[in-house]
Amino acid sequence: MKFFSIAGPVNPEKHYCLPLSTRLNEDELHALIKQEKYFILHAPRQTGKTSTMLNFAQTLNNGGVYTALYVNVESAQAARSDYIKGMYTIIEEFLNHIEDQLPNEKNIIKYLIKKIKDQKLSGSSLTSMLQYWAKNSAKPIVLFIDEIDSLVGDTLISVLRQLRSGYTKRPKQFPQSLCLIGVRDVRDYRIWSDEKKAMVLGGSAFNIKSESLRLNDFTKQEVHALYMQHTAETGQKFNKDAMDYAFEITQGQPWLVNALAYQACFKDVTDYSKPITKEIIEKAKETLIKRRDTHLDVLIDRLQEPRVYNIIDAIITGNIKTAAELKPDDILYARDLGLIKMKGLEIANPIYQEVIPRELTYAKQEEMIQDIKWYQDTDGSLNMTKILKAFTEFYRENSADWLADCKYKESGPHLLMMAFLQRVINGGGKIHREYALGRKRLDLFLSWKKQKIAIELINTAGRS
């Protein structure tokens, strides 16, 4: 039986998935290849880049016009600035992928085996290998290099410059077309060279890029189509409001869309005669947030980068004055990571809106000792006067030390209050957050049993 993929590339024989040929405009890809272009495909992690390009490489090979290879170079990350060591790892990856995908390419396989065995690799070995392969290939070569931006320092610089050096020799003596695949556009690479003792920009090391393509998130219709595959396979139905809500809280982010459905259908409701409702999707959402899966952990790690926290800090407070100081390149970087929307300065989706403030204050929440009973009236309802008085006292006693260590200077008070409220209502209520740059406020909505409580945090002159 098929299931929703939440780790690694999609396998259509095992996983529910959208037709891989529809994720990108294949006519555009064919045109770029025919025109001998070198181009970039970038998108946030776990959006389907690897699955899509593996499928496209296979399509090209089946077409009989080109020899296409997909290769992942992430394993060379460990070499960092030792580019000779990095070359060994990359050449080995080429050998492994060619043997797997193109077993009839005997000439290049023998060449690579000999190079590795003789240990005669240098900072130009990638250029030499690709030149040898192109000269001895019966068909033009099309190359897809994945995880390119996982390489570090001089190893990345060496790869980019070697690819650039052979560009003028294509297609007879170098790959006709090449696609670099990663999270970020090459223009955004800022690479420290130990050899040069200077920062090198990716755009200067690889100034032959003709296009930057981006893999988009799912549309609402695509989310419905994906979920209906499970219904067709098992008979288990998704209520329309459940599918609509899944799109609303994920905004089509592929990993989140799949992870919600996997949790709902294979963990929470395994009796396929019972439908998946909006309430079940809500429960799955909370589980994902609390479980802190790898996908979310990677995003959380990015929140500590100066280029990111300046932007998120401004968004949480809605502070336009702070936003005016943001660098356009940093905004593009945050968008490439998938943290903020492509249009406007807002957090990418409601799940990330929940995850970000919770994780930024996770350690502090763990320190807090709170009991919901302290803040309930005799009828079980929340007494907000008691809660706000308790927070005021807590803030007086704890804020100075916490804010001194917090990178999020503008939004620190907001985050501390959200942490306090989260700790109070954990397990029995929910906090709904609405924030975006330009609002000049952060709106919180507390749900406790039948109560709906609105709290508005206003930022004035940098103070909350």
Protein backbone atom coordinates (compact mmCIF):
# COMPACT_ATOMS: atom_id res chain seq x y z
CA MET A 1 0.00 0.00 0.00
CA LYS A 2 1.21 3.51 -0.78
CA PHE A 3 1.76 6.17 1.86
CA PHE A 4 2.61 9.87 2.14
CA SER A 5 6.34 10.55 1.79
CA ILE A 6 7.99 12.54 4.58
CA ALA A 7 11.66 11.61 4.07
CA GLY A 8 13.86 11.45 1.00
CA PRO A 9 12.92 11.49 -2.67
CA VAL A 10 9.45 10.46 -3.76
CA ASN A 11 9.03 7.01 -5.27
CA PRO A 12 5.78 6.96 -7.29
CA GLU A 13 5.53 3.19 -6.81
CA LYS A 14 5.49 3.58 -3.02
CA HIS A 15 4.28 7.11 -2.33
CA TYR A 16 1.28 9.24 -3.10
CA CYS A 17 2.59 12.04 -5.26
CA LEU A 18 1.63 14.53 -7.91
CA PRO A 19 2.86 13.73 -11.43
CA LEU A 20 6.53 14.68 -11.25
CA SER A 21 6.43 15.98 -14.81
CA THR A 22 4.00 18.72 -13.69
CA ARG A 23 6.14 20.20 -10.92
CA LEU A 24 8.16 22.25 -13.43
CA ASN A 25 7.49 23.49 -16.93
CA GLU A 26 9.23 20.75 -18.90
CA ASP A 27 8.87 22.67 -22.15
CA GLU A 28 10.95 25.43 -20.55
CA LEU A 29 13.54 22.90 -19.38
CA HIS A 30 13.79 21.38 -22.85
CA ALA A 31 14.24 24.86 -24.36
CA LEU A 32 17.06 25.70 -21.95
CA ILE A 33 18.83 22.45 -22.75
CA LYS A 34 18.41 22.88 -26.50
CA GLN A 35 19.86 26.41 -26.19
CA GLU A 36 22.87 24.99 -24.29
CA LYS A 37 22.08 27.02 -21.15
CA TYR A 38 23.50 26.59 -17.65
CA PHE A 39 20.79 27.32 -15.10
CA ILE A 40 19.76 27.09 -11.45
CA LEU A 41 16.87 25.29 -9.75
CA HIS A 42 16.33 26.36 -6.16
CA ALA A 43 13.62 25.86 -3.56
CA PRO A 44 13.37 25.27 0.20
CA ARG A 45 14.27 21.86 1.56
CA GLN A 46 11.87 18.96 1.06
CA THR A 47 9.81 20.54 -1.67
CA GLY A 48 10.50 17.89 -4.33
CA LYS A 49 13.61 19.15 -6.14
CA THR A 50 15.43 15.82 -6.09
CA SER A 51 12.39 13.74 -7.09
CA THR A 52 11.50 16.11 -9.92
CA MET A 53 14.97 16.29 -11.44
CA LEU A 54 15.66 12.56 -11.11
CA ASN A 55 12.45 11.99 -13.04
CA PHE A 56 13.38 14.59 -15.65
CA ALA A 57 16.87 13.12 -16.14
CA GLN A 58 15.28 9.73 -16.74
CA THR A 59 12.86 11.31 -19.22
CA LEU A 60 15.79 12.82 -21.14
CA ASN A 61 17.60 9.48 -21.26
CA ASN A 62 14.46 7.71 -22.46
CA GLY A 63 14.16 10.32 -25.23
CA GLY A 64 17.41 9.15 -26.78
CA VAL A 65 18.73 12.60 -27.73
CA TYR A 66 20.86 13.34 -24.66
CA THR A 67 22.86 11.50 -22.03
CA ALA A 68 21.57 12.91 -18.74
CA LEU A 69 23.01 12.38 -15.26
CA TYR A 70 21.75 13.39 -11.84
CA VAL A 71 24.45 13.52 -9.15
CA ASN A 72 24.25 14.54 -5.49
CA VAL A 73 27.45 16.07 -4.06
CA GLU A 74 26.34 16.61 -0.46
CA SER A 75 28.80 14.02 0.84
CA ALA A 76 31.65 16.39 -0.12
CA GLN A 77 30.45 18.89 2.47
CA ALA A 78 32.74 17.28 5.06
CA ALA A 79 35.79 18.30 3.00
CA ARG A 80 34.96 21.93 3.67
CA SER A 81 37.87 24.03 2.31
CA ASP A 82 40.07 21.03 1.53
CA TYR A 83 39.13 21.07 -2.16
CA ILE A 84 41.44 18.18 -3.12
CA LYS A 85 39.67 15.95 -0.60
CA GLY A 86 36.39 17.37 -1.91
CA MET A 87 37.35 16.40 -5.48
CA TYR A 88 37.92 12.78 -4.44
CA THR A 89 34.46 12.63 -2.88
CA ILE A 90 32.78 14.33 -5.85
CA ILE A 91 34.53 12.11 -8.43
CA GLU A 92 33.47 9.04 -6.42
CA GLU A 93 29.89 10.31 -6.41
CA PHE A 94 30.02 10.75 -10.18
CA LEU A 95 31.26 7.18 -10.53
CA ASN A 96 28.51 5.80 -8.28
CA HIS A 97 25.74 7.73 -10.03
CA ILE A 98 26.97 6.88 -13.55
CA GLU A 99 27.20 3.17 -12.68
CA ASP A 100 23.67 3.35 -11.30
CA GLN A 101 21.97 5.49 -13.95
CA LEU A 102 24.17 4.99 -17.05
CA PRO A 103 25.76 1.53 -16.81
CA ASN A 104 26.49 1.48 -20.56
CA GLU A 105 28.85 4.49 -20.29
CA LYS A 106 31.87 2.18 -20.09
CA ASN A 107 34.49 4.74 -21.17
CA ILE A 108 33.82 7.27 -18.41
CA ILE A 109 33.39 4.53 -15.80
CA LYS A 110 36.85 3.11 -16.61
CA TYR A 111 38.31 6.63 -16.63
CA LEU A 112 36.93 7.44 -13.18
CA ILE A 113 37.96 4.12 -11.67
CA LYS A 114 41.52 4.65 -12.89
CA LYS A 115 41.64 8.25 -11.61
CA ILE A 116 40.47 7.22 -8.16
CA LYS A 117 42.78 4.20 -8.04
CA ASP A 118 45.82 6.20 -9.15
CA GLN A 119 44.95 8.99 -6.70
CA LYS A 120 45.87 11.62 -9.25
CA LEU A 121 43.24 14.22 -8.56
CA SER A 122 43.68 17.97 -8.42
CA GLY A 123 41.72 21.18 -8.39
CA SER A 124 40.99 20.75 -12.11
CA SER A 125 39.95 17.08 -12.04
CA LEU A 126 36.24 17.82 -12.43
CA THR A 127 36.91 19.88 -15.57
CA SER A 128 39.14 17.15 -17.01
CA MET A 129 36.64 14.42 -16.27
CA LEU A 130 33.69 16.26 -17.84
CA GLN A 131 35.81 17.20 -20.86
CA TYR A 132 36.89 13.57 -21.37
CA TRP A 133 33.30 12.33 -21.03
CA ALA A 134 31.88 14.90 -23.47
CA LYS A 135 34.55 14.08 -26.08
CA ASN A 136 33.84 10.36 -25.85
CA SER A 137 30.05 10.49 -25.54
CA ALA A 138 27.88 9.63 -28.52
CA LYS A 139 25.27 12.15 -27.36
CA PRO A 140 25.41 15.60 -25.75
CA ILE A 141 25.61 15.46 -21.95
CA VAL A 142 23.08 17.14 -19.66
CA LEU A 143 24.16 17.32 -16.01
CA PHE A 144 22.10 17.93 -12.87
CA ILE A 145 24.20 18.60 -9.73
CA ASP A 146 22.14 18.50 -6.53
CA GLU A 147 22.95 19.90 -3.08
CA ILE A 148 25.53 22.20 -4.64
CA ASP A 149 25.10 24.79 -1.88
CA SER A 150 25.89 22.21 0.80
CA LEU A 151 29.56 22.44 -0.25
CA VAL A 152 31.73 24.71 1.89
CA GLY A 153 34.49 27.20 1.27
CA ASP A 154 37.17 26.48 -1.31
CA THR A 155 35.53 23.19 -2.32
CA LEU A 156 32.44 25.07 -3.52
CA ILE A 157 34.54 27.78 -5.17
CA SER A 158 36.62 25.13 -6.96
CA VAL A 159 33.55 23.32 -8.32
CA LEU A 160 31.88 26.53 -9.53
CA ARG A 161 35.04 27.76 -11.24
CA GLN A 162 35.77 24.42 -12.87
CA LEU A 163 32.26 24.33 -14.30
CA ARG A 164 32.70 27.89 -15.52
CA SER A 165 36.08 27.14 -17.10
CA GLY A 166 34.63 24.46 -19.38
CA TYR A 167 31.55 26.46 -20.38
CA THR A 168 32.99 27.78 -23.66
CA LYS A 169 33.87 24.23 -24.78
CA ARG A 170 30.30 22.94 -24.75
CA PRO A 171 28.74 20.86 -26.23
CA LYS A 172 31.55 18.91 -27.95
CA GLN A 173 34.02 19.02 -25.08
CA PHE A 174 31.83 19.81 -22.06
CA PRO A 175 28.23 19.18 -20.96
CA GLN A 176 25.79 20.90 -23.31
CA SER A 177 23.58 22.01 -20.45
CA LEU A 178 23.93 22.00 -16.69
CA CYS A 179 21.55 22.61 -13.78
CA LEU A 180 22.76 23.42 -10.26
CA ILE A 181 20.18 22.41 -7.66
CA GLY A 182 20.03 23.77 -4.13
CA VAL A 183 18.11 25.70 -1.53
CA ARG A 184 19.54 29.07 -2.57
CA ASP A 185 20.15 30.83 -5.82
CA VAL A 186 23.85 30.99 -6.72
CA ARG A 187 23.69 34.80 -6.49
CA ASP A 188 23.20 34.37 -2.74
CA TYR A 189 26.30 32.27 -2.06
CA ARG A 190 28.74 34.05 0.20
CA ILE A 191 31.75 31.78 0.36
CA TRP A 192 34.75 32.24 2.61
CA SER A 193 37.95 31.17 0.85
CA ASP A 194 40.71 30.03 3.20
CA GLU A 195 43.10 30.16 0.27
CA LYS A 196 42.28 33.77 -0.68
CA LYS A 197 41.45 34.88 2.88
CA ALA A 198 38.47 36.71 1.42
CA MET A 199 34.75 36.38 0.76
CA VAL A 200 33.80 35.20 -2.73
CA LEU A 201 30.31 35.74 -4.13
CA GLY A 202 28.69 32.83 -5.95
CA GLY A 203 27.64 35.13 -8.77
CA SER A 204 31.24 35.99 -9.54
CA ALA A 205 32.48 32.39 -9.32
CA PHE A 206 29.65 31.20 -11.59
CA ASN A 207 28.76 34.10 -13.87
CA ILE A 208 27.41 31.87 -16.67
CA LYS A 209 23.94 31.37 -15.20
CA SER A 210 21.18 32.09 -17.70
CA GLU A 211 18.08 31.39 -15.61
CA SER A 212 17.03 30.80 -12.00
CA LEU A 213 14.04 28.50 -11.72
CA ARG A 214 12.09 27.96 -8.52
CA LEU A 215 10.01 24.93 -7.57
CA ASN A 216 6.71 26.23 -6.24
CA ASP A 217 4.57 24.93 -3.39
CA PHE A 218 1.37 22.98 -4.05
CA THR A 219 -1.81 24.80 -5.01
CA LYS A 220 -5.06 24.10 -3.15
CA GLN A 221 -6.19 21.95 -6.08
CA GLU A 222 -2.96 19.95 -5.94
CA VAL A 223 -3.37 19.33 -2.21
CA HIS A 224 -6.88 18.01 -2.89
CA ALA A 225 -5.58 15.81 -5.73
CA LEU A 226 -2.81 14.38 -3.53
CA TYR A 227 -5.16 13.55 -0.68
CA MET A 228 -7.71 11.98 -3.02
CA GLN A 229 -5.07 9.46 -4.04
CA HIS A 230 -5.26 8.08 -0.51
CA THR A 231 -9.04 7.91 -0.77
CA ALA A 232 -8.77 6.01 -4.05
CA GLU A 233 -6.24 3.60 -2.53
CA THR A 234 -7.93 2.91 0.84
CA GLY A 235 -11.47 4.28 0.67
CA GLN A 236 -10.75 6.67 3.54
CA LYS A 237 -12.27 10.04 2.76
CA PHE A 238 -11.04 13.53 3.53
CA ASN A 239 -13.77 16.02 4.34
CA LYS A 240 -13.51 19.04 2.07
CA ASP A 241 -13.04 21.37 5.05
CA ALA A 242 -10.16 19.12 6.21
CA MET A 243 -8.39 19.45 2.86
CA ASP A 244 -9.06 23.18 2.72
CA TYR A 245 -7.74 23.58 6.26
CA ALA A 246 -4.61 21.56 5.44
CA PHE A 247 -3.88 23.96 2.59
CA GLU A 248 -4.67 27.00 4.77
CA ILE A 249 -2.19 26.09 7.51
CA THR A 250 0.56 24.83 5.16
CA GLN A 251 0.04 27.16 2.18
CA GLY A 252 0.96 24.12 0.09
CA GLN A 253 4.46 23.57 1.53
CA PRO A 254 5.01 19.99 0.23
CA TRP A 255 6.60 18.43 3.31
CA LEU A 256 3.99 19.90 5.63
CA VAL A 257 1.16 18.77 3.33
CA ASN A 258 2.50 15.20 3.32
CA ALA A 259 3.42 15.15 7.02
CA LEU A 260 -0.05 16.27 8.12
CA ALA A 261 -1.73 13.57 6.03
CA TYR A 262 0.73 10.88 7.14
CA GLN A 263 0.09 11.71 10.80
CA ALA A 264 -3.68 11.86 10.29
CA CYS A 265 -4.09 8.72 8.16
CA PHE A 266 -1.34 6.41 9.39
CA LYS A 267 -1.05 7.40 13.05
CA ASP A 268 -4.22 9.07 14.34
CA VAL A 269 -7.02 7.39 12.34
CA THR A 270 -6.01 3.97 11.03
CA ASP A 271 -9.61 2.79 10.65
CA TYR A 272 -10.15 3.70 7.01
CA SER A 273 -13.93 3.62 7.36
CA LYS A 274 -13.64 6.84 9.39
CA PRO A 275 -13.15 10.10 7.47
CA ILE A 276 -10.38 12.64 8.06
CA THR A 277 -11.95 15.79 9.49
CA LYS A 278 -10.70 19.29 10.10
CA GLU A 279 -10.34 18.46 13.80
CA ILE A 280 -8.07 15.51 12.97
CA ILE A 281 -5.87 17.72 10.77
CA GLU A 282 -5.68 20.25 13.65
CA LYS A 283 -4.58 17.48 16.01
CA ALA A 284 -1.96 16.35 13.47
CA LYS A 285 -0.67 19.92 13.23
CA GLU A 286 -0.12 20.13 16.98
CA THR A 287 1.67 16.77 16.92
CA LEU A 288 4.07 17.95 14.21
CA ILE A 289 4.86 21.15 16.08
CA LYS A 290 5.54 19.36 19.36
CA ARG A 291 7.52 16.54 17.72
CA ARG A 292 10.01 18.95 16.14
CA ASP A 293 10.77 16.81 13.09
CA THR A 294 13.99 17.31 11.12
CA HIS A 295 12.29 19.56 8.58
CA LEU A 296 11.24 21.97 11.33
CA ASP A 297 14.54 21.64 13.19
CA VAL A 298 16.47 22.78 10.11
CA LEU A 299 14.29 25.88 9.84
CA ILE A 300 14.66 26.60 13.53
CA ASP A 301 18.45 26.43 13.23
CA ARG A 302 18.29 29.15 10.55
CA LEU A 303 16.52 31.49 12.98
CA GLN A 304 19.84 32.12 14.73
CA GLU A 305 21.52 33.53 11.61
CA PRO A 306 21.81 37.36 11.62
CA ARG A 307 20.47 37.56 8.06
CA VAL A 308 17.34 35.77 9.23
CA TYR A 309 16.67 37.00 12.74
CA ASN A 310 16.68 40.65 11.70
CA ILE A 311 13.83 39.91 9.32
CA ILE A 312 11.82 37.67 11.65
CA ASP A 313 12.33 40.15 14.49
CA ALA A 314 10.79 42.93 12.38
CA ILE A 315 7.89 40.73 11.22
CA ILE A 316 6.92 39.67 14.75
CA THR A 317 6.73 43.27 15.94
CA GLY A 318 5.31 44.60 12.67
CA ASN A 319 7.88 47.38 12.93
CA ILE A 320 8.12 49.28 9.63
CA LYS A 321 11.00 51.42 10.93
CA THR A 322 13.08 48.32 11.48
CA ALA A 323 12.03 46.94 8.09
CA ALA A 324 13.46 49.96 6.30
CA GLU A 325 16.91 48.85 7.49
CA LEU A 326 16.59 45.33 6.07
CA LYS A 327 18.82 44.38 3.16
CA PRO A 328 17.09 43.19 -0.03
CA ASP A 329 19.55 40.27 -0.31
CA ASP A 330 18.61 39.13 3.20
CA ILE A 331 14.92 39.21 2.30
CA LEU A 332 15.62 37.09 -0.80
CA TYR A 333 17.65 34.70 1.37
CA ALA A 334 14.77 34.24 3.84
CA ARG A 335 12.42 33.61 0.92
CA ASP A 336 14.78 31.05 -0.59
CA LEU A 337 14.83 29.23 2.75
CA GLY A 338 11.02 29.14 2.67
CA LEU A 339 10.64 31.09 5.91
CA ILE A 340 8.70 34.01 4.46
CA LYS A 341 6.25 34.40 1.60
CA MET A 342 7.34 35.21 -1.92
CA LYS A 343 5.20 38.36 -1.89
CA GLY A 344 5.11 40.62 1.13
CA LEU A 345 6.97 40.22 4.40
CA GLU A 346 4.98 37.57 6.23
CA ILE A 347 5.86 34.20 7.70
CA ALA A 348 5.37 31.58 4.97
CA ASN A 349 2.44 29.72 6.55
CA PRO A 350 0.45 29.45 9.80
CA ILE A 351 2.36 26.35 10.98
CA TYR A 352 5.65 28.23 10.79
CA GLN A 353 3.91 31.14 12.56
CA GLU A 354 3.27 28.74 15.43
CA VAL A 355 6.65 27.01 15.34
CA ILE A 356 8.87 30.09 15.29
CA PRO A 357 7.82 31.80 18.57
CA ARG A 358 7.51 28.47 20.38
CA GLU A 359 11.00 27.40 19.41
CA LEU A 360 12.63 30.75 20.07
CA THR A 361 11.43 30.51 23.67
CA TYR A 362 11.52 26.73 24.10
CA ALA A 363 14.24 26.70 26.77
CA LYS A 364 12.55 29.50 28.71
CA GLN A 365 9.20 27.71 28.60
CA GLU A 366 10.80 24.62 30.09
CA GLU A 367 11.98 26.72 33.06
CA MET A 368 8.52 28.13 33.78
CA ILE A 369 6.41 26.49 36.43
CA GLN A 370 2.76 27.22 35.69
CA ASP A 371 -0.57 25.60 36.53
CA ILE A 372 -3.75 26.48 34.68
CA LYS A 373 -5.69 26.09 37.94
CA TRP A 374 -4.01 29.23 39.28
CA TYR A 375 -5.82 31.31 36.67
CA GLN A 376 -9.29 29.73 36.57
CA ASP A 377 -12.48 31.04 38.09
CA THR A 378 -14.88 28.72 39.85
CA ASP A 379 -16.71 27.96 36.58
CA GLY A 380 -13.45 26.83 34.95
CA SER A 381 -13.07 29.88 32.73
CA LEU A 382 -9.78 31.75 32.37
CA ASN A 383 -9.35 34.89 34.43
CA MET A 384 -7.26 37.13 32.20
CA THR A 385 -6.78 39.71 34.93
CA LYS A 386 -4.97 37.10 37.02
CA ILE A 387 -2.91 35.96 34.04
CA LEU A 388 -1.81 39.48 33.09
CA LYS A 389 -0.94 40.37 36.67
CA ALA A 390 1.12 37.18 36.98
CA PHE A 391 2.89 37.92 33.70
CA THR A 392 3.68 41.47 34.83
CA GLU A 393 5.37 40.09 37.94
CA PHE A 394 7.13 37.40 35.92
CA TYR A 395 8.37 40.01 33.43
CA ARG A 396 9.78 42.24 36.17
CA GLU A 397 11.71 39.35 37.65
CA ASN A 398 12.95 37.58 34.50
CA SER A 399 12.97 39.85 31.47
CA ALA A 400 16.30 41.63 32.00
CA ASP A 401 18.40 38.46 32.05
CA TRP A 402 16.47 36.75 29.24
CA LEU A 403 16.44 39.76 26.92
CA ALA A 404 20.16 40.36 27.47
CA ASP A 405 20.91 37.00 25.83
CA CYS A 406 18.11 37.11 23.26
CA LYS A 407 19.07 38.00 19.67
CA TYR A 408 15.52 39.10 18.97
CA LYS A 409 15.82 42.49 20.65
CA GLU A 410 12.71 44.17 19.17
CA SER A 411 10.35 41.22 19.56
CA GLY A 412 11.84 39.85 22.80
CA PRO A 413 9.00 41.13 25.04
CA HIS A 414 6.41 39.74 22.60
CA LEU A 415 8.14 36.36 22.58
CA LEU A 416 8.37 36.25 26.36
CA MET A 417 4.65 36.91 26.75
CA MET A 418 3.80 34.24 24.16
CA ALA A 419 6.02 31.79 26.05
CA PHE A 420 4.26 32.60 29.31
CA LEU A 421 0.80 32.17 27.80
CA GLN A 422 1.82 28.96 26.03
CA ARG A 423 3.01 27.50 29.29
CA VAL A 424 -0.20 28.47 31.06
CA ILE A 425 -2.60 26.86 28.58
CA ASN A 426 -0.47 23.92 27.39
CA GLY A 427 -2.57 20.82 26.93
CA GLY A 428 -5.91 22.54 27.37
CA GLY A 429 -6.08 25.49 24.99
CA LYS A 430 -4.56 27.06 21.91
CA ILE A 431 -2.90 30.29 20.91
CA HIS A 432 -3.55 31.61 17.42
CA ARG A 433 -1.04 34.19 16.20
CA GLU A 434 -1.38 36.83 13.51
CA TYR A 435 1.62 38.94 12.64
CA ALA A 436 3.11 40.56 9.57
CA LEU A 437 5.33 43.49 8.78
CA GLY A 438 3.40 46.74 8.64
CA ARG A 439 0.69 45.74 11.11
CA LYS A 440 2.55 47.50 13.96
CA ARG A 441 1.13 44.92 16.32
CA LEU A 442 0.94 41.23 17.13
CA ASP A 443 -2.54 39.78 17.57
CA LEU A 444 -3.03 36.77 19.81
CA PHE A 445 -6.25 34.80 20.13
CA LEU A 446 -6.53 32.43 23.07
CA SER A 447 -8.97 29.55 22.83
CA TRP A 448 -9.90 27.94 26.12
CA LYS A 449 -12.91 25.65 26.09
CA LYS A 450 -15.67 27.97 24.83
CA GLN A 451 -13.75 31.15 25.54
CA LYS A 452 -12.22 33.28 22.80
CA ILE A 453 -9.85 35.92 24.16
CA ALA A 454 -8.11 38.53 22.02
CA ILE A 455 -4.83 40.16 23.04
CA GLU A 456 -3.14 42.89 21.04
CA LEU A 457 0.56 43.59 21.55
CA ILE A 458 1.58 46.98 20.17
CA ASN A 459 5.12 48.04 19.42
CA THR A 460 5.76 51.74 19.97
CA ALA A 461 9.21 53.27 19.52
CA GLY A 462 10.80 49.84 19.89
CA ARG A 463 9.03 49.04 23.17
CA SER A 464 6.19 46.57 23.73
